[in-house]
Amino acid sequence: MLMKPSYLKKALLSSITVAAAITFCIASAQQRMTDKDVENTMKNLQEDAKKFRSSFDSAIGKSTIRKTSQEKEAKTLVKRFQDETKNMLSHFKSTKRADTDLPVVNQTASQIDKLLSGITLNERVGLDWSKVKNELGMLSNAFGIRSEPAGSSE
């Protein structure tokens, strides 16, 4: 029996949500992430931000906003996010602090959330962004910094 694509999509998103919830619970159960844990999570975030940018750039070029100034602005925003994750990791390695960098990364992520809610892109983009948001949530939790809900920026 073949499953409908919409059913598969719902099942996949449900699985990702459960995995993210389990990861969050495990992270929350710990008293505090060690500096090494934070650094590794930041490395994963940086790598996943790079993957997200790649899938985003590919999908946005095929979207309804292709060849517009909106496409250029969207790509610039996602590139800025990737650069911010890289800078946050670099700064953390030297200072073991994220109090100035993490809120900036969260703010840009919130802008990307708003952007993604306004356009339809492929499933890969959504999966890549979910991974990024999960890691960002873990870091925010570790530093006691509240992540902004989608669409609350600007």
C-alpha atoms as a PDB file:
ATOM      1  CA  MET A   1       0.000   0.000   0.000  1.00  0.00           C
ATOM      2  CA  LEU A   2       1.447   3.361  -1.001  1.00  0.00           C
ATOM      3  CA  MET A   3       1.233   6.287   1.392  1.00  0.00           C
ATOM      4  CA  LYS A   4       0.173   9.703   0.192  1.00  0.00           C
ATOM      5  CA  PRO A   5       2.964  12.330   0.143  1.00  0.00           C
ATOM      6  CA  SER A   6       1.047  14.514   2.611  1.00  0.00           C
ATOM      7  CA  TYR A   7       0.814  11.587   5.042  1.00  0.00           C
ATOM      8  CA  LEU A   8       4.554  10.940   4.715  1.00  0.00           C
ATOM      9  CA  LYS A   9       5.276  14.617   5.296  1.00  0.00           C
ATOM     10  CA  LYS A  10       3.125  14.662   8.437  1.00  0.00           C
ATOM     11  CA  ALA A  11       4.748  11.477   9.720  1.00  0.00           C
ATOM     12  CA  LEU A  12       8.242  12.851   9.080  1.00  0.00           C
ATOM     13  CA  LEU A  13       7.479  16.161  10.776  1.00  0.00           C
ATOM     14  CA  SER A  14       5.944  14.322  13.726  1.00  0.00           C
ATOM     15  CA  SER A  15       9.069  12.185  14.055  1.00  0.00           C
ATOM     16  CA  ILE A  16      11.295  15.258  13.981  1.00  0.00           C
ATOM     17  CA  THR A  17       9.140  16.980  16.581  1.00  0.00           C
ATOM     18  CA  VAL A  18       9.360  13.973  18.895  1.00  0.00           C
ATOM     19  CA  ALA A  19      13.129  13.759  18.413  1.00  0.00           C
ATOM     20  CA  ALA A  20      13.501  17.469  19.135  1.00  0.00           C
ATOM     21  CA  ALA A  21      11.351  17.157  22.258  1.00  0.00           C
ATOM     22  CA  ILE A  22      13.416  14.229  23.530  1.00  0.00           C
ATOM     23  CA  THR A  23      16.647  16.112  22.856  1.00  0.00           C
ATOM     24  CA  PHE A  24      15.272  19.151  24.667  1.00  0.00           C
ATOM     25  CA  CYS A  25      14.214  17.061  27.668  1.00  0.00           C
ATOM     26  CA  ILE A  26      17.618  15.426  27.893  1.00  0.00           C
ATOM     27  CA  ALA A  27      19.345  18.798  27.654  1.00  0.00           C
ATOM     28  CA  SER A  28      16.977  20.270  30.243  1.00  0.00           C
ATOM     29  CA  ALA A  29      17.607  17.397  32.633  1.00  0.00           C
ATOM     30  CA  GLN A  30      21.267  18.287  32.890  1.00  0.00           C
ATOM     31  CA  GLN A  31      22.227  20.884  35.466  1.00  0.00           C
ATOM     32  CA  ARG A  32      24.469  22.781  33.090  1.00  0.00           C
ATOM     33  CA  MET A  33      26.126  22.154  29.762  1.00  0.00           C
ATOM     34  CA  THR A  34      29.890  22.023  30.039  1.00  0.00           C
ATOM     35  CA  ASP A  35      31.957  24.455  27.979  1.00  0.00           C
ATOM     36  CA  LYS A  36      32.893  21.529  25.747  1.00  0.00           C
ATOM     37  CA  ASP A  37      29.207  20.647  25.249  1.00  0.00           C
ATOM     38  CA  VAL A  38      28.423  24.265  24.399  1.00  0.00           C
ATOM     39  CA  GLU A  39      31.318  24.439  21.959  1.00  0.00           C
ATOM     40  CA  ASN A  40      30.256  21.188  20.275  1.00  0.00           C
ATOM     41  CA  THR A  41      26.651  22.405  20.014  1.00  0.00           C
ATOM     42  CA  MET A  42      27.888  25.670  18.502  1.00  0.00           C
ATOM     43  CA  LYS A  43      29.995  23.721  16.005  1.00  0.00           C
ATOM     44  CA  ASN A  44      26.942  21.656  15.065  1.00  0.00           C
ATOM     45  CA  LEU A  45      24.885  24.837  14.787  1.00  0.00           C
ATOM     46  CA  GLN A  46      27.473  26.411  12.500  1.00  0.00           C
ATOM     47  CA  GLU A  47      27.594  23.305  10.277  1.00  0.00           C
ATOM     48  CA  ASP A  48      23.805  23.020  10.182  1.00  0.00           C
ATOM     49  CA  ALA A  49      23.445  26.739   9.411  1.00  0.00           C
ATOM     50  CA  LYS A  50      25.727  26.152   6.430  1.00  0.00           C
ATOM     51  CA  LYS A  51      23.577  23.212   5.266  1.00  0.00           C
ATOM     52  CA  PHE A  52      20.432  25.275   5.783  1.00  0.00           C
ATOM     53  CA  ARG A  53      21.864  28.119   3.721  1.00  0.00           C
ATOM     54  CA  SER A  54      22.673  25.739   0.886  1.00  0.00           C
ATOM     55  CA  SER A  55      19.191  24.194   0.794  1.00  0.00           C
ATOM     56  CA  PHE A  56      17.566  27.601   1.281  1.00  0.00           C
ATOM     57  CA  ASP A  57      19.521  29.254  -1.552  1.00  0.00           C
ATOM     58  CA  SER A  58      18.646  26.398  -3.876  1.00  0.00           C
ATOM     59  CA  ALA A  59      14.942  26.452  -2.980  1.00  0.00           C
ATOM     60  CA  ILE A  60      14.548  30.226  -2.983  1.00  0.00           C
ATOM     61  CA  GLY A  61      15.904  30.331  -6.528  1.00  0.00           C
ATOM     62  CA  LYS A  62      12.942  28.189  -7.568  1.00  0.00           C
ATOM     63  CA  SER A  63      10.346  30.040  -5.494  1.00  0.00           C
ATOM     64  CA  THR A  64       7.768  32.680  -6.325  1.00  0.00           C
ATOM     65  CA  ILE A  65      10.188  35.424  -5.238  1.00  0.00           C
ATOM     66  CA  ARG A  66      13.032  34.356  -7.523  1.00  0.00           C
ATOM     67  CA  LYS A  67      14.743  37.128  -9.470  1.00  0.00           C
ATOM     68  CA  THR A  68      13.366  39.838  -7.168  1.00  0.00           C
ATOM     69  CA  SER A  69      14.892  42.111  -4.558  1.00  0.00           C
ATOM     70  CA  GLN A  70      13.061  39.995  -1.980  1.00  0.00           C
ATOM     71  CA  GLU A  71      15.126  36.959  -3.028  1.00  0.00           C
ATOM     72  CA  LYS A  72      18.343  38.928  -2.642  1.00  0.00           C
ATOM     73  CA  GLU A  73      17.309  40.215   0.801  1.00  0.00           C
ATOM     74  CA  ALA A  74      16.333  36.704   1.919  1.00  0.00           C
ATOM     75  CA  LYS A  75      19.667  35.254   0.821  1.00  0.00           C
ATOM     76  CA  THR A  76      21.502  38.110   2.562  1.00  0.00           C
ATOM     77  CA  LEU A  77      19.597  37.432   5.795  1.00  0.00           C
ATOM     78  CA  VAL A  78      20.433  33.726   5.734  1.00  0.00           C
ATOM     79  CA  LYS A  79      24.099  34.462   4.945  1.00  0.00           C
ATOM     80  CA  ARG A  80      24.188  36.907   7.870  1.00  0.00           C
ATOM     81  CA  PHE A  81      22.772  34.182  10.144  1.00  0.00           C
ATOM     82  CA  GLN A  82      25.452  31.742   9.011  1.00  0.00           C
ATOM     83  CA  ASP A  83      28.165  34.351   9.620  1.00  0.00           C
ATOM     84  CA  GLU A  84      26.754  35.140  13.067  1.00  0.00           C
ATOM     85  CA  THR A  85      26.898  31.469  14.094  1.00  0.00           C
ATOM     86  CA  LYS A  86      30.512  31.325  12.942  1.00  0.00           C
ATOM     87  CA  ASN A  87      31.407  34.498  14.860  1.00  0.00           C
ATOM     88  CA  MET A  88      29.590  33.267  17.975  1.00  0.00           C
ATOM     89  CA  LEU A  89      31.624  30.038  17.964  1.00  0.00           C
ATOM     90  CA  SER A  90      34.873  31.920  17.465  1.00  0.00           C
ATOM     91  CA  HIS A  91      34.050  34.339  20.273  1.00  0.00           C
ATOM     92  CA  PHE A  92      33.000  31.513  22.591  1.00  0.00           C
ATOM     93  CA  LYS A  93      36.258  29.640  21.965  1.00  0.00           C
ATOM     94  CA  SER A  94      38.266  32.637  23.125  1.00  0.00           C
ATOM     95  CA  THR A  95      36.063  33.978  25.949  1.00  0.00           C
ATOM     96  CA  LYS A  96      33.741  31.094  26.973  1.00  0.00           C
ATOM     97  CA  ARG A  97      30.881  33.619  26.748  1.00  0.00           C
ATOM     98  CA  ALA A  98      27.874  34.003  24.484  1.00  0.00           C
ATOM     99  CA  ASP A  99      25.929  36.738  26.254  1.00  0.00           C
ATOM    100  CA  THR A 100      26.358  39.260  23.418  1.00  0.00           C
ATOM    101  CA  ASP A 101      26.403  36.906  20.425  1.00  0.00           C
ATOM    102  CA  LEU A 102      23.549  34.523  21.211  1.00  0.00           C
ATOM    103  CA  PRO A 103      20.810  37.195  21.418  1.00  0.00           C
ATOM    104  CA  VAL A 104      21.909  38.523  18.014  1.00  0.00           C
ATOM    105  CA  VAL A 105      21.790  35.022  16.511  1.00  0.00           C
ATOM    106  CA  ASN A 106      18.341  34.496  18.074  1.00  0.00           C
ATOM    107  CA  GLN A 107      17.099  37.799  16.641  1.00  0.00           C
ATOM    108  CA  THR A 108      18.229  36.860  13.136  1.00  0.00           C
ATOM    109  CA  ALA A 109      16.684  33.393  13.540  1.00  0.00           C
ATOM    110  CA  SER A 110      13.405  35.065  14.449  1.00  0.00           C
ATOM    111  CA  GLN A 111      13.595  37.122  11.241  1.00  0.00           C
ATOM    112  CA  ILE A 112      14.212  33.932   9.259  1.00  0.00           C
ATOM    113  CA  ASP A 113      11.200  32.306  10.967  1.00  0.00           C
ATOM    114  CA  LYS A 114       9.076  35.229   9.820  1.00  0.00           C
ATOM    115  CA  LEU A 115      10.474  34.958   6.294  1.00  0.00           C
ATOM    116  CA  LEU A 116       9.840  31.204   6.115  1.00  0.00           C
ATOM    117  CA  SER A 117       6.256  31.624   7.278  1.00  0.00           C
ATOM    118  CA  GLY A 118       5.579  33.893   4.309  1.00  0.00           C
ATOM    119  CA  ILE A 119       6.886  31.698   1.487  1.00  0.00           C
ATOM    120  CA  THR A 120       6.554  28.067   0.507  1.00  0.00           C
ATOM    121  CA  LEU A 121       9.820  26.207   0.044  1.00  0.00           C
ATOM    122  CA  ASN A 122      10.669  22.526  -0.191  1.00  0.00           C
ATOM    123  CA  GLU A 123      10.643  20.075   2.698  1.00  0.00           C
ATOM    124  CA  ARG A 124      14.449  19.921   2.908  1.00  0.00           C
ATOM    125  CA  VAL A 125      14.575  23.586   3.911  1.00  0.00           C
ATOM    126  CA  GLY A 126      12.077  22.945   6.717  1.00  0.00           C
ATOM    127  CA  LEU A 127      13.996  19.948   8.003  1.00  0.00           C
ATOM    128  CA  ASP A 128      17.318  21.804   7.924  1.00  0.00           C
ATOM    129  CA  TRP A 129      15.795  24.811   9.705  1.00  0.00           C
ATOM    130  CA  SER A 130      14.245  22.575  12.400  1.00  0.00           C
ATOM    131  CA  LYS A 131      17.689  21.194  13.193  1.00  0.00           C
ATOM    132  CA  VAL A 132      19.136  24.697  13.453  1.00  0.00           C
ATOM    133  CA  LYS A 133      16.295  25.875  15.697  1.00  0.00           C
ATOM    134  CA  ASN A 134      16.696  22.853  17.986  1.00  0.00           C
ATOM    135  CA  GLU A 135      20.400  23.554  18.524  1.00  0.00           C
ATOM    136  CA  LEU A 136      19.742  27.242  19.005  1.00  0.00           C
ATOM    137  CA  GLY A 137      17.114  26.392  21.610  1.00  0.00           C
ATOM    138  CA  MET A 138      19.584  24.161  23.466  1.00  0.00           C
ATOM    139  CA  LEU A 139      22.149  26.984  23.559  1.00  0.00           C
ATOM    140  CA  SER A 140      19.583  29.565  24.631  1.00  0.00           C
ATOM    141  CA  ASN A 141      18.445  27.253  27.414  1.00  0.00           C
ATOM    142  CA  ALA A 142      22.030  26.647  28.540  1.00  0.00           C
ATOM    143  CA  PHE A 143      22.660  30.387  28.831  1.00  0.00           C
ATOM    144  CA  GLY A 144      19.250  31.259  30.233  1.00  0.00           C
ATOM    145  CA  ILE A 145      18.494  33.402  27.205  1.00  0.00           C
ATOM    146  CA  ARG A 146      14.931  33.370  25.976  1.00  0.00           C
ATOM    147  CA  SER A 147      14.541  32.617  22.281  1.00  0.00           C
ATOM    148  CA  GLU A 148      12.203  34.995  20.485  1.00  0.00           C
ATOM    149  CA  PRO A 149       9.020  33.445  19.135  1.00  0.00           C
ATOM    150  CA  ALA A 150       8.652  33.460  15.369  1.00  0.00           C
ATOM    151  CA  GLY A 151       7.596  36.808  13.978  1.00  0.00           C
ATOM    152  CA  SER A 152       8.313  38.826  17.129  1.00  0.00           C
ATOM    153  CA  SER A 153      11.281  40.738  15.724  1.00  0.00           C
ATOM    154  CA  GLU A 154      11.309  44.120  14.014  1.00  0.00           C
END
